Protein backbone atom coordinates (compact mmCIF):
# COMPACT_ATOMS: atom_id res chain seq x y z
CA MET A 1 36.03 -0.09 46.75
CA ARG A 2 35.59 3.77 46.82
CA ASP A 3 34.41 5.13 49.90
CA VAL A 4 30.67 5.35 50.06
CA ASN A 5 27.97 5.90 52.81
CA ASN A 6 25.96 2.66 52.69
CA GLY A 7 22.60 4.15 54.88
CA ASP A 8 19.59 2.16 54.08
CA ARG A 9 20.17 1.66 50.16
CA PRO A 10 20.21 -1.69 49.03
CA ILE A 11 23.52 -3.57 48.46
CA LEU A 12 22.95 -4.37 45.21
CA ALA A 13 20.32 -2.37 42.73
CA ILE A 14 20.32 -3.67 39.33
CA ASP A 15 18.43 -0.99 37.02
CA LYS A 16 17.13 -1.65 33.67
CA LEU A 17 20.33 -3.65 32.79
CA SER A 18 20.57 -4.83 29.24
CA THR A 19 23.61 -7.25 28.06
CA ALA A 20 24.03 -8.00 24.54
CA ILE A 21 25.86 -10.86 22.74
CA GLY A 22 26.40 -10.12 18.89
CA GLY A 23 23.74 -7.60 19.13
CA ASN A 24 21.06 -9.51 20.51
CA ALA A 25 19.81 -8.43 23.98
CA VAL A 26 20.36 -11.75 26.23
CA VAL A 27 19.43 -9.63 29.29
CA ASP A 28 16.90 -7.08 28.32
CA GLY A 29 15.85 -4.22 30.88
CA VAL A 30 16.38 -6.22 34.17
CA SER A 31 15.87 -4.63 37.44
CA LEU A 32 16.07 -6.10 41.08
CA THR A 33 17.49 -5.32 44.36
CA VAL A 34 19.29 -7.16 47.00
CA GLY A 35 19.15 -5.63 50.58
CA ALA A 36 21.68 -6.24 53.46
CA GLY A 37 21.30 -9.67 54.84
CA GLU A 38 18.74 -10.61 52.40
CA VAL A 39 18.73 -13.97 50.19
CA VAL A 40 17.11 -12.97 46.82
CA ALA A 41 16.51 -15.97 44.33
CA LEU A 42 16.94 -15.48 40.47
CA VAL A 43 14.98 -18.29 38.79
CA GLY A 44 14.15 -19.58 35.69
CA GLU A 45 15.07 -22.08 32.92
CA SER A 46 18.39 -22.31 31.45
CA GLY A 47 19.04 -19.95 28.74
CA CYS A 48 16.98 -17.24 30.49
CA GLY A 49 19.78 -14.83 31.22
CA LYS A 50 20.37 -15.68 34.70
CA SER A 51 24.08 -16.23 34.68
CA LEU A 52 24.89 -13.49 32.25
CA THR A 53 23.19 -11.21 34.66
CA ALA A 54 25.59 -12.43 37.66
CA LEU A 55 28.70 -12.06 35.17
CA SER A 56 27.48 -8.55 34.26
CA VAL A 57 27.76 -7.82 37.93
CA MET A 58 31.12 -9.11 38.59
CA GLY A 59 32.42 -7.51 35.31
CA LEU A 60 33.33 -10.99 33.91
CA LEU A 61 31.65 -11.21 30.73
CA PRO A 62 32.74 -13.31 27.89
CA ALA A 63 34.68 -11.19 24.76
CA ALA A 64 31.46 -11.20 22.39
CA ALA A 65 29.33 -9.78 25.33
CA ARG A 66 28.85 -6.28 26.57
CA VAL A 67 26.68 -4.18 28.77
CA SER A 68 24.44 -1.90 26.51
CA ALA A 69 22.23 -0.11 29.02
CA GLY A 70 21.24 0.43 32.60
CA ARG A 71 23.12 0.87 36.08
CA ILE A 72 24.69 -1.72 38.52
CA LEU A 73 24.72 -0.21 41.90
CA LEU A 74 26.83 -1.79 44.42
CA LEU A 75 26.66 0.12 47.83
CA GLY A 76 25.39 3.02 45.76
CA GLU A 77 28.06 2.86 43.11
CA ASP A 78 27.64 2.22 39.63
CA LEU A 79 30.17 -0.56 38.78
CA LEU A 80 29.67 0.12 34.82
CA GLY A 81 31.62 3.45 35.49
CA TYR A 82 34.62 1.20 37.08
CA SER A 83 37.86 0.55 35.19
CA GLU A 84 39.26 -3.06 35.15
CA LYS A 85 41.63 -2.01 37.97
CA GLU A 86 38.99 -0.70 40.32
CA MET A 87 36.97 -3.87 39.61
CA LEU A 88 39.85 -5.87 40.86
CA ALA A 89 39.76 -4.05 43.89
CA VAL A 90 36.02 -5.13 44.22
CA ARG A 91 35.73 -8.70 43.28
CA GLY A 92 36.45 -10.80 46.43
CA LYS A 93 36.17 -7.95 48.95
CA SER A 94 32.98 -6.23 48.21
CA VAL A 95 31.10 -8.89 46.15
CA SER A 96 32.36 -12.39 45.37
CA MET A 97 30.69 -15.35 43.29
CA VAL A 98 30.43 -19.03 43.63
CA PHE A 99 30.27 -20.36 40.10
CA GLN A 100 28.31 -23.31 38.47
CA GLU A 101 31.22 -25.76 38.22
CA PRO A 102 33.54 -25.94 41.55
CA VAL A 103 35.95 -28.13 40.18
CA ALA A 104 36.62 -26.27 36.74
CA SER A 105 36.65 -22.89 38.72
CA LEU A 106 39.34 -24.00 40.96
CA ASP A 107 43.07 -23.90 39.87
CA PRO A 108 43.91 -27.58 39.68
CA LEU A 109 47.71 -26.45 39.96
CA MET A 110 47.25 -24.64 43.30
CA ARG A 111 46.72 -26.09 46.70
CA VAL A 112 43.32 -25.47 48.17
CA GLY A 113 44.69 -23.41 51.05
CA GLU A 114 46.68 -21.06 48.61
CA GLN A 115 43.60 -20.30 46.89
CA VAL A 116 41.35 -19.53 49.75
CA ALA A 117 44.08 -17.15 50.96
CA GLU A 118 44.58 -15.44 47.79
CA SER A 119 42.11 -12.86 48.21
CA LEU A 120 43.20 -11.69 51.63
CA ILE A 121 46.82 -11.35 50.21
CA VAL A 122 45.32 -9.48 46.95
CA HIS A 123 43.45 -7.03 49.08
CA GLY A 124 46.24 -6.55 51.47
CA GLU A 125 43.94 -8.15 54.41
CA ALA A 126 46.87 -10.52 55.76
CA SER A 127 50.53 -11.38 55.28
CA LYS A 128 51.23 -14.54 53.50
CA SER A 129 51.31 -16.47 56.56
CA GLY A 130 48.35 -14.93 58.33
CA ALA A 131 46.44 -15.36 55.22
CA ARG A 132 47.34 -19.05 55.14
CA GLU A 133 46.10 -19.68 58.87
CA ARG A 134 42.75 -17.80 58.06
CA ALA A 135 42.35 -20.12 55.18
CA VAL A 136 42.61 -23.22 57.32
CA GLU A 137 40.01 -21.38 59.75
CA MET A 138 37.60 -20.80 56.95
CA LEU A 139 38.03 -23.97 55.43
CA SER A 140 37.11 -25.41 59.15
CA ARG A 141 34.15 -23.11 59.07
CA VAL A 142 32.61 -24.26 55.82
CA GLY A 143 32.63 -27.93 57.39
CA ILE A 144 35.73 -29.39 55.89
CA PRO A 145 37.36 -31.80 58.52
CA ASP A 146 40.96 -31.97 59.10
CA ALA A 147 41.35 -28.52 57.28
CA ARG A 148 44.84 -28.18 57.54
CA THR A 149 45.54 -31.22 55.95
CA ARG A 150 43.08 -30.41 53.30
CA ALA A 151 44.59 -27.04 52.65
CA ARG A 152 47.62 -28.92 51.55
CA GLN A 153 45.93 -30.68 49.19
CA TYR A 154 44.99 -30.05 45.39
CA PRO A 155 41.41 -29.94 44.05
CA ALA A 156 41.77 -33.42 42.31
CA GLU A 157 42.14 -34.73 45.84
CA LEU A 158 38.68 -33.51 46.97
CA SER A 159 35.14 -34.87 46.38
CA GLY A 160 32.81 -32.49 44.54
CA GLY A 161 31.07 -31.50 47.73
CA MET A 162 34.33 -30.47 49.10
CA CYS A 163 35.50 -28.53 46.04
CA GLN A 164 31.97 -26.61 46.53
CA ARG A 165 32.73 -25.88 50.07
CA VAL A 166 36.21 -24.52 49.17
CA MET A 167 34.64 -22.22 46.53
CA ILE A 168 32.35 -21.06 49.03
CA ALA A 169 35.30 -20.47 51.46
CA CYS A 170 37.22 -18.60 48.78
CA ALA A 171 34.09 -16.41 47.98
CA LEU A 172 33.58 -15.57 51.94
CA ILE A 173 37.03 -15.08 53.38
CA ALA A 174 37.19 -11.62 52.77
CA ARG A 175 33.74 -11.10 54.10
CA PRO A 176 32.16 -9.43 51.11
CA LYS A 177 28.77 -7.48 51.48
CA LEU A 178 27.44 -9.63 48.58
CA LEU A 179 27.62 -13.13 47.76
CA ILE A 180 26.34 -14.19 44.24
CA ALA A 181 25.83 -18.10 44.10
CA ASP A 182 25.35 -19.54 40.66
CA GLU A 183 23.62 -22.97 40.96
CA PRO A 184 25.69 -23.65 44.22
CA THR A 185 24.26 -27.07 44.40
CA THR A 186 24.27 -28.54 40.79
CA ALA A 187 25.49 -31.95 40.39
CA LEU A 188 25.56 -32.58 44.31
CA ASP A 189 23.49 -35.42 45.76
CA VAL A 190 20.75 -34.43 48.01
CA THR A 191 22.57 -34.98 51.11
CA ILE A 192 25.31 -32.55 50.09
CA GLN A 193 23.16 -30.30 48.67
CA ALA A 194 21.14 -29.91 52.19
CA GLN A 195 24.62 -29.41 53.64
CA ILE A 196 25.72 -26.63 51.27
CA LEU A 197 22.56 -24.74 51.93
CA THR A 198 22.46 -25.07 55.77
CA LEU A 199 25.93 -23.82 55.42
CA MET A 200 24.94 -20.77 53.49
CA LYS A 201 22.19 -20.08 55.76
CA THR A 202 24.48 -20.21 58.91
CA LEU A 203 27.14 -17.79 57.11
CA ARG A 204 24.62 -15.35 56.02
CA GLN A 205 23.63 -14.89 59.63
CA GLU A 206 27.23 -15.20 61.00
CA ILE A 207 28.84 -12.63 58.36
CA ASP A 208 25.58 -10.78 57.63
CA THR A 209 26.20 -11.23 53.77
CA ALA A 210 23.62 -10.59 51.25
CA ILE A 211 23.14 -13.36 48.69
CA LEU A 212 22.05 -13.46 45.06
CA LEU A 213 21.24 -17.12 44.41
CA ILE A 214 20.96 -18.03 41.00
CA THR A 215 19.03 -21.51 40.45
CA HIS A 216 16.52 -23.33 38.49
CA ASP A 217 15.45 -25.41 41.51
CA MET A 218 12.39 -24.15 43.29
CA GLY A 219 12.90 -26.49 46.08
CA VAL A 220 16.20 -24.83 46.81
CA VAL A 221 14.37 -21.51 46.68
CA ALA A 222 11.81 -22.42 49.03
CA ASP A 223 14.32 -23.35 51.68
CA ILE A 224 16.82 -20.44 51.36
CA ALA A 225 15.07 -17.38 49.82
CA ASP A 226 13.54 -14.43 51.19
CA ARG A 227 12.19 -12.83 47.84
CA VAL A 228 12.13 -14.49 44.41
CA CYS A 229 12.66 -12.64 40.76
CA VAL A 230 11.30 -15.10 38.12
CA MET A 231 13.18 -14.47 34.66
CA TYR A 232 12.29 -15.70 31.29
CA ALA A 233 14.04 -14.95 28.00
CA GLY A 234 16.04 -12.33 29.31
CA ARG A 235 13.29 -10.48 31.55
CA ILE A 236 11.94 -10.31 34.88
CA VAL A 237 8.11 -11.60 34.67
CA GLU A 238 7.28 -11.87 38.49
CA THR A 239 8.89 -10.54 41.50
CA GLY A 240 7.56 -11.17 45.25
CA CYS A 241 8.37 -12.51 48.70
CA VAL A 242 9.10 -16.26 48.75
CA ASP A 243 5.85 -16.93 50.72
CA ALA A 244 3.67 -14.82 48.08
CA ILE A 245 5.30 -16.71 45.08
CA PHE A 246 4.80 -19.98 46.20
CA GLU A 247 1.10 -19.22 47.56
CA ARG A 248 0.18 -16.93 44.67
CA PRO A 249 2.21 -17.24 41.84
CA SER A 250 0.53 -14.84 39.47
CA HIS A 251 2.56 -15.01 36.18
CA PRO A 252 1.72 -18.31 33.87
CA TYR A 253 5.43 -19.23 33.86
CA THR A 254 5.87 -18.96 37.42
CA ARG A 255 2.76 -21.28 37.97
CA LEU A 256 4.11 -23.84 35.38
CA LEU A 257 7.60 -23.85 37.06
CA LEU A 258 6.05 -24.70 40.58
CA SER A 259 3.76 -27.32 38.86
CA THR A 260 7.16 -29.22 37.78
CA ILE A 261 8.13 -29.82 41.38
CA PRO A 262 7.65 -33.40 42.38
CA LYS A 263 4.87 -33.88 44.95
CA LEU A 264 5.44 -36.30 47.98
CA ASN A 265 2.05 -36.43 48.85
CA GLY A 266 0.61 -36.84 45.29
CA VAL A 267 -0.90 -39.90 43.41
CA ARG A 268 1.82 -42.63 42.85
CA LYS A 269 3.11 -43.54 39.25
CA THR A 270 2.11 -40.24 37.80
CA ARG A 271 4.00 -38.71 35.16
CA LEU A 272 6.17 -35.28 36.18
CA ARG A 273 4.81 -32.36 34.99
CA SER A 274 7.02 -30.30 32.14
CA ILE A 275 6.48 -26.86 30.44
CA GLU A 276 6.04 -27.46 26.79
CA GLY A 277 8.36 -26.10 24.25
CA SER A 278 11.73 -24.24 25.02
CA VAL A 279 13.09 -20.74 25.70
CA PRO A 280 13.20 -18.95 22.41
CA ASP A 281 16.40 -18.27 20.68
CA ILE A 282 18.08 -15.12 21.54
CA SER A 283 18.12 -14.22 17.95
CA ASP A 284 14.28 -14.32 17.46
CA TRP A 285 12.87 -13.06 20.70
CA PRO A 286 8.91 -12.96 20.19
CA GLU A 287 7.45 -9.44 20.27
CA GLY A 288 5.36 -8.65 23.38
CA CYS A 289 5.58 -11.26 26.24
CA ARG A 290 8.19 -13.72 25.48
CA PHE A 291 6.15 -16.50 26.97
CA ARG A 292 3.17 -16.40 24.89
CA SER A 293 4.29 -18.92 22.57
CA ARG A 294 4.37 -21.45 25.42
CA CYS A 295 1.30 -19.96 27.23
CA PRO A 296 -2.00 -21.46 27.66
CA LEU A 297 -3.50 -18.11 28.13
CA ALA A 298 -2.06 -16.24 25.23
CA GLN A 299 -4.14 -13.73 23.28
CA ASP A 300 -3.78 -11.12 20.82
CA ASP A 301 -3.04 -8.41 23.44
CA CYS A 302 -0.05 -10.83 24.42
CA GLY A 303 1.82 -9.03 21.67
CA GLN A 304 2.23 -6.19 23.61
CA VAL A 305 4.89 -5.89 26.22
CA PRO A 306 2.85 -6.18 29.70
CA PRO A 307 4.08 -3.76 32.41
CA ASP A 308 4.67 -5.06 36.29
CA PHE A 309 1.11 -5.17 37.64
CA PRO A 310 0.66 -5.17 41.24
CA VAL A 311 -0.82 -8.57 42.57
CA ASP A 312 -3.58 -7.98 44.73
CA GLY A 313 -2.85 -4.38 45.37
CA ASP A 314 0.67 -5.68 46.84
CA ALA A 315 3.44 -3.21 45.35
CA ASN A 316 6.00 -5.60 46.26
CA HIS A 317 4.57 -8.57 44.55
CA THR A 318 4.27 -7.81 40.62
CA ALA A 319 3.74 -9.99 37.67
CA ALA A 320 4.15 -8.83 33.82
CA CYS A 321 1.00 -10.56 32.39
CA TRP A 322 -1.80 -9.07 30.93
CA HIS A 323 -4.22 -11.94 31.85
CA MET A 324 -3.66 -12.50 35.77
CA ASP A 325 -7.46 -12.80 36.17
CA ARG A 326 -7.70 -15.86 34.13
CA LEU A 327 -4.85 -18.22 36.16
CA GLY A 328 -7.90 -20.24 37.24
CA GLU A 329 -8.07 -21.56 33.69
CA MET A 330 -4.85 -23.06 33.83
CA ALA A 331 -4.85 -27.14 35.09
């Protein structure tokens, strides 16, 4: 990456990012920051644009998608001005990503150790033999037993949980400043999920890597995040520290998301809560607040786009809703 002086600026600053597919803005004016050593969770239902936001940062958009507006600042440098050659120098070294499907993301024809070592070799951080040794060390560090033997195996010989650990090892071996983790615990059983989250917290402390965590699981958010950005239909609708979001959810969508979390101390044999309706199609985003067709508080003025209102005077906790004062009317 180009030589920049980080100072007190955030590791990642996304500023009014819009990413379109076929002329439709799937990501629409998104702004968020991730500070050094911070875990920021980007949450919302499937289809809200979370993964496309991450792929925009990585410069790995599908052929039909393009960034149409905004800036993506990594250590103060706008990645949207980078050529593909410059992005190759950034990926893996300054920013890495753990993808949703570890088995599908790993090369089935490459040994596990070679895939972990690849980033070090590409970026000239170690010789082939040195990179292989460091790969074994990293595999051990992410909790894979008998790492030297596992390094010689292929992904098909490992379990799903093991492959997820390999993906994390691939992402972190070059000690990037930013790790983007896209649904890192999807399809894992609860025991392995807990182990992966503990691993991410430990490595965050040891390596001081900032994390942008993409998930729809609010339980995962409560366990690991410092701040939360709630996304709906391509826009951020609420932002705040994790305690504020859980204790004072101030957008109807956030409140409904939290209501879907199963309660261990609730009444037995009660039906799990759900949010009626579905995320609108990108070709037909509604005018104004995009949640209004599903919102129990919707009024005529919701046809206008709401600004980010501070919650109880807290500039660090904002919600884009005209009717925050009526949240008590929701069940």
